[in-house]
PDB file of N, CA and C in Angstrom:
ATOM      1  N   MET A   1      60.044 -26.761  10.045  1.00  0.00           N
ATOM      2  CA  MET A   1      60.474 -26.164   8.860  1.00  0.00           C
ATOM      3  C   MET A   1      59.717 -24.125   8.688  1.00  0.00           C
ATOM      4  N   MET A   2      60.536 -23.281   8.726  1.00  0.00           N
ATOM      5  CA  MET A   2      60.038 -22.212   8.692  1.00  0.00           C
ATOM      6  C   MET A   2      60.151 -21.742   7.376  1.00  0.00           C
ATOM      7  N   ILE A   3      59.334 -21.316   6.803  1.00  0.00           N
ATOM      8  CA  ILE A   3      59.306 -20.776   5.280  1.00  0.00           C
ATOM      9  C   ILE A   3      58.908 -19.375   5.917  1.00  0.00           C
ATOM     10  N   GLN A   4      60.022 -17.945   5.049  1.00  0.00           N
ATOM     11  CA  GLN A   4      59.600 -16.585   4.884  1.00  0.00           C
ATOM     12  C   GLN A   4      59.621 -16.142   3.207  1.00  0.00           C
ATOM     13  N   VAL A   5      58.398 -15.432   3.637  1.00  0.00           N
ATOM     14  CA  VAL A   5      57.913 -14.853   2.062  1.00  0.00           C
ATOM     15  C   VAL A   5      58.391 -13.156   1.701  1.00  0.00           C
ATOM     16  N   SER A   6      58.743 -12.627   1.240  1.00  0.00           N
ATOM     17  CA  SER A   6      58.636 -11.624   0.788  1.00  0.00           C
ATOM     18  C   SER A   6      58.322 -11.587  -0.549  1.00  0.00           C
ATOM     19  N   GLN A   7      57.288 -10.595  -0.761  1.00  0.00           N
ATOM     20  CA  GLN A   7      56.557  -9.978  -1.859  1.00  0.00           C
ATOM     21  C   GLN A   7      56.613  -9.019  -1.890  1.00  0.00           C
ATOM     22  N   THR A   8      57.036  -7.744  -3.321  1.00  0.00           N
ATOM     23  CA  THR A   8      57.107  -6.580  -3.248  1.00  0.00           C
ATOM     24  C   THR A   8      56.302  -5.963  -5.031  1.00  0.00           C
ATOM     25  N   THR A   9      56.477  -5.559  -5.001  1.00  0.00           N
ATOM     26  CA  THR A   9      55.634  -5.015  -6.535  1.00  0.00           C
ATOM     27  C   THR A   9      56.209  -3.443  -6.657  1.00  0.00           C
ATOM     28  N   LYS A  10      56.736  -3.497  -7.871  1.00  0.00           N
ATOM     29  CA  LYS A  10      58.079  -2.232  -8.319  1.00  0.00           C
ATOM     30  C   LYS A  10      57.799  -2.146  -9.934  1.00  0.00           C
ATOM     31  N   GLY A  11      56.762  -0.970 -10.245  1.00  0.00           N
ATOM     32  CA  GLY A  11      56.742  -0.683 -11.882  1.00  0.00           C
ATOM     33  C   GLY A  11      55.994  -1.474 -12.475  1.00  0.00           C
ATOM     34  N   GLY A  12      55.244  -2.197 -11.701  1.00  0.00           N
ATOM     35  CA  GLY A  12      54.383  -3.265 -12.690  1.00  0.00           C
ATOM     36  C   GLY A  12      54.764  -4.117 -11.908  1.00  0.00           C
ATOM     37  N   ARG A  13      55.588  -4.952 -11.615  1.00  0.00           N
ATOM     38  CA  ARG A  13      55.998  -6.503 -11.708  1.00  0.00           C
ATOM     39  C   ARG A  13      56.486  -6.839 -10.263  1.00  0.00           C
ATOM     40  N   THR A  14      55.284  -7.790  -9.826  1.00  0.00           N
ATOM     41  CA  THR A  14      55.908  -8.242  -8.661  1.00  0.00           C
ATOM     42  C   THR A  14      57.265  -9.521  -8.883  1.00  0.00           C
ATOM     43  N   GLN A  15      57.527  -9.231  -7.390  1.00  0.00           N
ATOM     44  CA  GLN A  15      58.534  -9.836  -7.084  1.00  0.00           C
ATOM     45  C   GLN A  15      58.929 -11.073  -6.022  1.00  0.00           C
ATOM     46  N   ILE A  16      58.733 -12.195  -5.444  1.00  0.00           N
ATOM     47  CA  ILE A  16      58.591 -12.913  -4.812  1.00  0.00           C
ATOM     48  C   ILE A  16      59.940 -13.949  -4.005  1.00  0.00           C
ATOM     49  N   ARG A  17      60.222 -13.398  -3.094  1.00  0.00           N
ATOM     50  CA  ARG A  17      61.879 -13.946  -2.737  1.00  0.00           C
ATOM     51  C   ARG A  17      61.238 -15.018  -1.714  1.00  0.00           C
ATOM     52  N   ILE A  18      61.791 -15.980  -1.622  1.00  0.00           N
ATOM     53  CA  ILE A  18      61.011 -17.022  -0.312  1.00  0.00           C
ATOM     54  C   ILE A  18      62.277 -17.817  -0.075  1.00  0.00           C
ATOM     55  N   ALA A  19      62.677 -18.074   1.119  1.00  0.00           N
ATOM     56  CA  ALA A  19      63.463 -18.456   2.251  1.00  0.00           C
ATOM     57  C   ALA A  19      63.521 -19.195   3.196  1.00  0.00           C
ATOM     58  N   ALA A  20      63.695 -21.074   2.688  1.00  0.00           N
ATOM     59  CA  ALA A  20      63.410 -22.309   3.637  1.00  0.00           C
ATOM     60  C   ALA A  20      64.651 -22.353   4.708  1.00  0.00           C
ATOM     61  N   THR A  21      64.058 -22.854   6.286  1.00  0.00           N
ATOM     62  CA  THR A  21      65.216 -23.136   6.874  1.00  0.00           C
ATOM     63  C   THR A  21      64.110 -24.098   7.079  1.00  0.00           C
ATOM     64  N   PRO A  22      64.932 -25.581   8.213  1.00  0.00           N
ATOM     65  CA  PRO A  22      66.072 -25.603   7.877  1.00  0.00           C
ATOM     66  C   PRO A  22      66.284 -26.257   6.645  1.00  0.00           C
ATOM     67  N   LYS A  23      67.620 -27.061   5.567  1.00  0.00           N
ATOM     68  CA  LYS A  23      67.057 -27.041   4.601  1.00  0.00           C
ATOM     69  C   LYS A  23      67.632 -28.674   3.923  1.00  0.00           C
ATOM     70  N   SER A  24      66.106 -29.141   4.693  1.00  0.00           N
ATOM     71  CA  SER A  24      66.206 -30.088   4.849  1.00  0.00           C
ATOM     72  C   SER A  24      65.282 -30.747   3.784  1.00  0.00           C
ATOM     73  N   PRO A  25      65.420 -32.107   3.268  1.00  0.00           N
ATOM     74  CA  PRO A  25      65.110 -32.650   1.633  1.00  0.00           C
ATOM     75  C   PRO A  25      63.484 -32.157   1.447  1.00  0.00           C
ATOM     76  N   GLN A  26      63.011 -32.746   2.949  1.00  0.00           N
ATOM     77  CA  GLN A  26      61.434 -32.096   2.135  1.00  0.00           C
ATOM     78  C   GLN A  26      61.189 -30.128   2.004  1.00  0.00           C
ATOM     79  N   THR A  27      62.162 -29.803   2.530  1.00  0.00           N
ATOM     80  CA  THR A  27      61.821 -27.640   2.328  1.00  0.00           C
ATOM     81  C   THR A  27      62.626 -27.623   0.675  1.00  0.00           C
ATOM     82  N   ARG A  28      63.440 -28.958   0.561  1.00  0.00           N
ATOM     83  CA  ARG A  28      64.107 -28.778  -0.330  1.00  0.00           C
ATOM     84  C   ARG A  28      63.234 -28.662  -2.443  1.00  0.00           C
ATOM     85  N   ALA A  29      62.639 -30.317  -1.764  1.00  0.00           N
ATOM     86  CA  ALA A  29      61.711 -30.197  -2.403  1.00  0.00           C
ATOM     87  C   ALA A  29      59.955 -29.325  -3.100  1.00  0.00           C
ATOM     88  N   LEU A  30      59.934 -29.226  -1.705  1.00  0.00           N
ATOM     89  CA  LEU A  30      58.961 -28.215  -2.144  1.00  0.00           C
ATOM     90  C   LEU A  30      59.701 -26.804  -3.162  1.00  0.00           C
ATOM     91  N   LEU A  31      60.788 -26.302  -2.864  1.00  0.00           N
ATOM     92  CA  LEU A  31      60.917 -24.978  -2.933  1.00  0.00           C
ATOM     93  C   LEU A  31      61.016 -25.736  -4.989  1.00  0.00           C
ATOM     94  N   ALA A  32      61.589 -26.669  -5.094  1.00  0.00           N
ATOM     95  CA  ALA A  32      61.818 -27.101  -6.517  1.00  0.00           C
ATOM     96  C   ALA A  32      60.357 -27.234  -6.826  1.00  0.00           C
ATOM     97  N   GLN A  33      59.265 -27.718  -6.361  1.00  0.00           N
ATOM     98  CA  GLN A  33      57.974 -27.896  -7.007  1.00  0.00           C
ATOM     99  C   GLN A  33      57.762 -26.425  -6.844  1.00  0.00           C
ATOM    100  N   PHE A  34      57.804 -25.379  -6.225  1.00  0.00           N
ATOM    101  CA  PHE A  34      57.386 -24.157  -6.303  1.00  0.00           C
ATOM    102  C   PHE A  34      57.710 -23.185  -7.447  1.00  0.00           C
ATOM    103  N   LYS A  35      59.393 -23.194  -8.101  1.00  0.00           N
ATOM    104  CA  LYS A  35      60.262 -22.554  -8.601  1.00  0.00           C
ATOM    105  C   LYS A  35      59.594 -23.087 -10.039  1.00  0.00           C
ATOM    106  N   LYS A  36      59.524 -24.881  -9.752  1.00  0.00           N
ATOM    107  CA  LYS A  36      58.904 -25.347 -11.748  1.00  0.00           C
ATOM    108  C   LYS A  36      57.985 -24.621 -11.811  1.00  0.00           C
ATOM    109  N   GLY A  37      56.679 -24.509 -10.791  1.00  0.00           N
ATOM    110  CA  GLY A  37      55.283 -23.709 -11.324  1.00  0.00           C
ATOM    111  C   GLY A  37      55.769 -22.484 -11.490  1.00  0.00           C
ATOM    112  N   VAL A  38      57.022 -21.999 -11.001  1.00  0.00           N
ATOM    113  CA  VAL A  38      56.745 -20.110 -11.331  1.00  0.00           C
ATOM    114  C   VAL A  38      57.239 -20.373 -13.170  1.00  0.00           C
ATOM    115  N   ARG A  39      58.111 -20.918 -12.857  1.00  0.00           N
ATOM    116  CA  ARG A  39      58.901 -21.567 -14.619  1.00  0.00           C
ATOM    117  C   ARG A  39      57.710 -21.758 -16.177  1.00  0.00           C
ATOM    118  N   THR A  40      56.551 -22.372 -14.867  1.00  0.00           N
ATOM    119  CA  THR A  40      55.711 -23.260 -15.744  1.00  0.00           C
ATOM    120  C   THR A  40      54.694 -21.978 -16.109  1.00  0.00           C
ATOM    121  N   ILE A  41      54.655 -20.763 -15.439  1.00  0.00           N
ATOM    122  CA  ILE A  41      53.890 -19.966 -15.541  1.00  0.00           C
ATOM    123  C   ILE A  41      54.520 -18.355 -16.349  1.00  0.00           C
ATOM    124  N   GLU A  42      55.881 -18.849 -16.056  1.00  0.00           N
ATOM    125  CA  GLU A  42      56.778 -17.892 -16.733  1.00  0.00           C
ATOM    126  C   GLU A  42      56.196 -17.869 -18.308  1.00  0.00           C
ATOM    127  N   LYS A  43      56.553 -19.060 -18.779  1.00  0.00           N
ATOM    128  CA  LYS A  43      56.483 -19.628 -20.010  1.00  0.00           C
ATOM    129  C   LYS A  43      55.338 -19.749 -20.472  1.00  0.00           C
ATOM    130  N   LYS A  44      54.047 -20.013 -20.044  1.00  0.00           N
ATOM    131  CA  LYS A  44      52.753 -18.706 -20.317  1.00  0.00           C
ATOM    132  C   LYS A  44      52.747 -17.447 -20.889  1.00  0.00           C
ATOM    133  N   TRP A  45      53.346 -17.083 -19.784  1.00  0.00           N
ATOM    134  CA  TRP A  45      53.004 -15.202 -19.716  1.00  0.00           C
ATOM    135  C   TRP A  45      53.799 -15.620 -21.212  1.00  0.00           C
ATOM    136  N   LYS A  46      55.084 -15.656 -21.564  1.00  0.00           N
ATOM    137  CA  LYS A  46      56.035 -15.394 -22.806  1.00  0.00           C
ATOM    138  C   LYS A  46      55.576 -15.368 -23.867  1.00  0.00           C
ATOM    139  N   ALA A  47      55.038 -16.430 -24.040  1.00  0.00           N
ATOM    140  CA  ALA A  47      54.253 -16.918 -25.073  1.00  0.00           C
ATOM    141  C   ALA A  47      52.834 -16.508 -25.848  1.00  0.00           C
ATOM    142  N   HIS A  48      52.564 -15.915 -24.173  1.00  0.00           N
ATOM    143  CA  HIS A  48      50.383 -15.289 -24.865  1.00  0.00           C
ATOM    144  C   HIS A  48      51.762 -14.042 -25.332  1.00  0.00           C
ATOM    145  N   ALA A  49      53.085 -13.302 -24.783  1.00  0.00           N
ATOM    146  CA  ALA A  49      53.287 -12.130 -25.444  1.00  0.00           C
ATOM    147  C   ALA A  49      53.571 -12.392 -26.447  1.00  0.00           C
ATOM    148  N   ALA A  50      54.186 -13.563 -26.628  1.00  0.00           N
ATOM    149  CA  ALA A  50      54.990 -13.366 -28.221  1.00  0.00           C
ATOM    150  C   ALA A  50      53.467 -13.063 -29.153  1.00  0.00           C
ATOM    151  N   ALA A  51      51.976 -14.630 -28.835  1.00  0.00           N
ATOM    152  CA  ALA A  51      51.278 -14.548 -29.494  1.00  0.00           C
ATOM    153  C   ALA A  51      50.224 -12.716 -29.876  1.00  0.00           C
ATOM    154  N   ALA A  52      50.537 -12.281 -28.894  1.00  0.00           N
ATOM    155  CA  ALA A  52      49.708 -10.517 -29.052  1.00  0.00           C
ATOM    156  C   ALA A  52      50.806 -10.084 -29.844  1.00  0.00           C
ATOM    157  N   LYS A  53      51.500 -10.451 -29.781  1.00  0.00           N
ATOM    158  CA  LYS A  53      52.723  -9.519 -30.860  1.00  0.00           C
ATOM    159  C   LYS A  53      52.695  -9.550 -32.162  1.00  0.00           C
ATOM    160  N   LYS A  54      52.959 -10.561 -32.118  1.00  0.00           N
ATOM    161  CA  LYS A  54      52.098 -11.707 -33.551  1.00  0.00           C
ATOM    162  C   LYS A  54      50.991 -11.283 -34.389  1.00  0.00           C
ATOM    163  N   ARG A  55      50.131 -10.766 -33.485  1.00  0.00           N
ATOM    164  CA  ARG A  55      48.976 -10.768 -33.492  1.00  0.00           C
ATOM    165  C   ARG A  55      49.024  -8.414 -33.931  1.00  0.00           C
ATOM    166  N   ALA A  56      49.389  -7.943 -33.149  1.00  0.00           N
ATOM    167  CA  ALA A  56      49.986  -6.835 -33.557  1.00  0.00           C
ATOM    168  C   ALA A  56      50.706  -6.395 -35.167  1.00  0.00           C
ATOM    169  N   ALA A  57      51.841  -7.405 -35.300  1.00  0.00           N
ATOM    170  CA  ALA A  57      52.073  -7.307 -36.330  1.00  0.00           C
ATOM    171  C   ALA A  57      51.359  -7.615 -37.579  1.00  0.00           C
ATOM    172  N   LYS A  58      50.626  -8.907 -37.629  1.00  0.00           N
ATOM    173  CA  LYS A  58      49.651  -9.537 -38.440  1.00  0.00           C
ATOM    174  C   LYS A  58      48.862  -8.429 -39.119  1.00  0.00           C
ATOM    175  N   GLY A  59      48.245  -7.859 -37.741  1.00  0.00           N
ATOM    176  CA  GLY A  59      47.281  -6.542 -38.267  1.00  0.00           C
ATOM    177  C   GLY A  59      47.907  -5.198 -38.713  1.00  0.00           C
ATOM    178  N   ARG A  60      49.091  -5.400 -38.727  1.00  0.00           N
ATOM    179  CA  ARG A  60      49.563  -3.429 -39.237  1.00  0.00           C
ATOM    180  C   ARG A  60      50.123  -4.188 -40.397  1.00  0.00           C
ATOM    181  N   ARG A  61      50.161  -5.426 -41.052  1.00  0.00           N
ATOM    182  CA  ARG A  61      50.987  -6.072 -42.131  1.00  0.00           C
ATOM    183  C   ARG A  61      49.507  -5.888 -43.184  1.00  0.00           C
ATOM    184  N   GLY A  62      48.728  -6.331 -42.484  1.00  0.00           N
ATOM    185  CA  GLY A  62      47.324  -6.162 -43.835  1.00  0.00           C
ATOM    186  C   GLY A  62      46.817  -4.655 -43.871  1.00  0.00           C
ATOM    187  N   ARG A  63      47.469  -3.422 -42.746  1.00  0.00           N
ATOM    188  CA  ARG A  63      46.307  -2.566 -43.244  1.00  0.00           C
ATOM    189  C   ARG A  63      47.346  -1.681 -44.544  1.00  0.00           C
ATOM    190  N   ARG A  64      47.987  -2.136 -44.983  1.00  0.00           N
ATOM    191  CA  ARG A  64      49.380  -1.748 -45.595  1.00  0.00           C
ATOM    192  C   ARG A  64      48.950  -1.622 -46.384  1.00  0.00           C
ATOM    193  N   ARG A  65      48.189  -2.746 -47.587  1.00  0.00           N
ATOM    194  CA  ARG A  65      47.558  -3.283 -48.977  1.00  0.00           C
ATOM    195  C   ARG A  65      46.214  -2.915 -49.478  1.00  0.00           C
TER     196      ARG A  65
END
């Protein structure tokens, strides 16, 4: 099994591309597990950003009164 990882950073964003050969069931399972982990991290990032945006909006509303 050969796993090739390509990571680039552009504009403050990190992109990771992974290619694995051969396409065995073990390799597919490993890639599926990795993708699941990435989705979990992505959900946390989005939740954090939404909470920060909500806090900022709440702070702006309080100052107007």
